[in-house]
Amino acid sequence: MASGFATEQTPPPSVLTRLRLETRYEHEAVEKVLDLMGSTHTVGDYRQRLKQFYGFYGAMEAALQARCATPQLALLSPRLNKTLLLRQDLLYLGVATETLPLFSKLPPI
């Protein structure tokens, strides 16, 4: 018999929250290797790192769009578009992104 009280259920985590939680250890490992927050980096070091990220994210995001084009992904796309943000940062640092190479070997999707 029902008690008459509504039970409060915790809503499932969003896709982005779940992705962040499930890849937390991988992100922490990469951050340790790259030492992104180290104090010995120069602007040139930072520019080079952004170029590397641009090469990876540009290729990965294009592959994801080609393989997983769905209305749900389109809704998430603005929040996930790291390539656009990297392009803006690189342009600010004087780097034209049109000639930057993109990774040719990506992990399987």
Protein backbone atom coordinates (compact mmCIF):
# COMPACT_ATOMS: atom_id res chain seq x y z
CA MET A 1 0.00 0.00 0.00
CA ALA A 2 1.32 3.45 -0.90
CA SER A 3 2.07 5.79 1.95
CA GLY A 4 0.75 8.84 0.16
CA PHE A 5 4.12 10.57 0.35
CA ALA A 6 5.97 11.37 -2.83
CA THR A 7 9.43 9.88 -2.88
CA GLU A 8 12.11 12.18 -4.12
CA GLN A 9 14.34 10.55 -6.67
CA THR A 10 17.71 11.93 -7.58
CA PRO A 11 17.71 12.78 -11.27
CA PRO A 12 20.31 10.97 -13.35
CA PRO A 13 23.48 12.95 -14.01
CA SER A 14 23.71 14.83 -17.28
CA VAL A 15 25.82 13.37 -20.05
CA LEU A 16 28.55 15.93 -19.41
CA THR A 17 28.58 15.25 -15.67
CA ARG A 18 28.76 11.53 -16.27
CA LEU A 19 31.55 11.95 -18.83
CA ARG A 20 33.53 14.17 -16.45
CA LEU A 21 33.12 11.71 -13.58
CA GLU A 22 33.94 8.62 -15.60
CA THR A 23 37.07 10.13 -17.17
CA ARG A 24 38.33 11.94 -14.07
CA TYR A 25 41.34 9.67 -13.53
CA GLU A 26 42.43 9.91 -17.16
CA HIS A 27 42.24 13.71 -16.98
CA GLU A 28 44.25 13.79 -13.76
CA ALA A 29 46.93 11.55 -15.30
CA VAL A 30 47.24 13.77 -18.38
CA GLU A 31 47.42 16.91 -16.25
CA LYS A 32 50.28 15.42 -14.22
CA VAL A 33 52.24 14.50 -17.35
CA LEU A 34 51.68 17.86 -19.03
CA ASP A 35 52.22 19.94 -15.89
CA LEU A 36 49.71 22.45 -17.22
CA MET A 37 49.76 24.65 -14.16
CA GLY A 38 53.53 24.69 -13.68
CA SER A 39 55.10 28.04 -12.95
CA THR A 40 58.07 27.58 -15.29
CA HIS A 41 56.09 27.87 -18.52
CA THR A 42 56.66 30.70 -20.95
CA VAL A 43 54.15 32.20 -23.37
CA GLY A 44 55.93 30.21 -26.09
CA ASP A 45 55.44 26.98 -24.12
CA TYR A 46 51.77 27.78 -23.66
CA ARG A 47 51.34 28.62 -27.36
CA GLN A 48 52.97 25.31 -28.33
CA ARG A 49 50.72 23.34 -25.97
CA LEU A 50 47.61 25.04 -27.40
CA LYS A 51 48.76 24.14 -30.92
CA GLN A 52 49.07 20.50 -29.86
CA PHE A 53 45.63 20.55 -28.25
CA TYR A 54 44.20 22.18 -31.37
CA GLY A 55 45.64 19.40 -33.54
CA PHE A 56 44.04 16.75 -31.33
CA TYR A 57 40.67 18.38 -30.64
CA GLY A 58 40.24 19.58 -34.22
CA ALA A 59 40.61 16.04 -35.52
CA MET A 60 38.66 14.39 -32.69
CA GLU A 61 35.69 16.75 -32.79
CA ALA A 62 35.43 16.44 -36.58
CA ALA A 63 35.48 12.63 -36.28
CA LEU A 64 32.84 12.70 -33.53
CA GLN A 65 30.60 14.96 -35.60
CA ALA A 66 30.92 12.66 -38.61
CA ARG A 67 30.28 9.50 -36.61
CA CYS A 68 27.81 10.64 -33.98
CA ALA A 69 25.75 13.36 -35.62
CA THR A 70 22.52 13.29 -33.59
CA PRO A 71 20.14 15.95 -32.31
CA GLN A 72 21.41 15.27 -28.77
CA LEU A 73 25.01 15.89 -29.81
CA ALA A 74 23.96 19.08 -31.60
CA LEU A 75 22.52 20.36 -28.30
CA LEU A 76 25.77 19.60 -26.48
CA SER A 77 28.00 20.82 -29.29
CA PRO A 78 28.46 24.43 -28.16
CA ARG A 79 29.58 23.27 -24.70
CA LEU A 80 31.89 20.62 -26.13
CA ASN A 81 33.48 22.65 -28.93
CA LYS A 82 37.01 22.98 -27.61
CA THR A 83 38.37 23.57 -31.10
CA LEU A 84 36.58 26.91 -31.33
CA LEU A 85 37.92 28.04 -27.95
CA LEU A 86 41.44 26.90 -28.83
CA ARG A 87 41.22 28.74 -32.17
CA GLN A 88 40.23 31.95 -30.36
CA ASP A 89 43.10 31.63 -27.87
CA LEU A 90 45.62 30.88 -30.61
CA LEU A 91 44.47 33.83 -32.70
CA TYR A 92 44.89 36.06 -29.66
CA LEU A 93 48.45 34.73 -29.33
CA GLY A 94 49.15 35.49 -33.01
CA VAL A 95 48.81 31.97 -34.42
CA ALA A 96 46.80 31.42 -37.60
CA THR A 97 45.07 28.06 -37.21
CA GLU A 98 44.35 27.41 -40.90
CA THR A 99 47.77 25.87 -41.45
CA LEU A 100 48.08 23.93 -38.20
CA PRO A 101 48.23 20.16 -38.70
CA LEU A 102 45.52 17.97 -37.23
CA PHE A 103 46.27 14.58 -35.73
CA SER A 104 45.97 11.78 -38.27
CA LYS A 105 45.97 8.90 -35.79
CA LEU A 106 43.12 9.06 -33.32
CA PRO A 107 41.96 6.52 -30.77
CA PRO A 108 39.00 4.43 -31.95
CA ILE A 109 35.63 6.09 -31.49
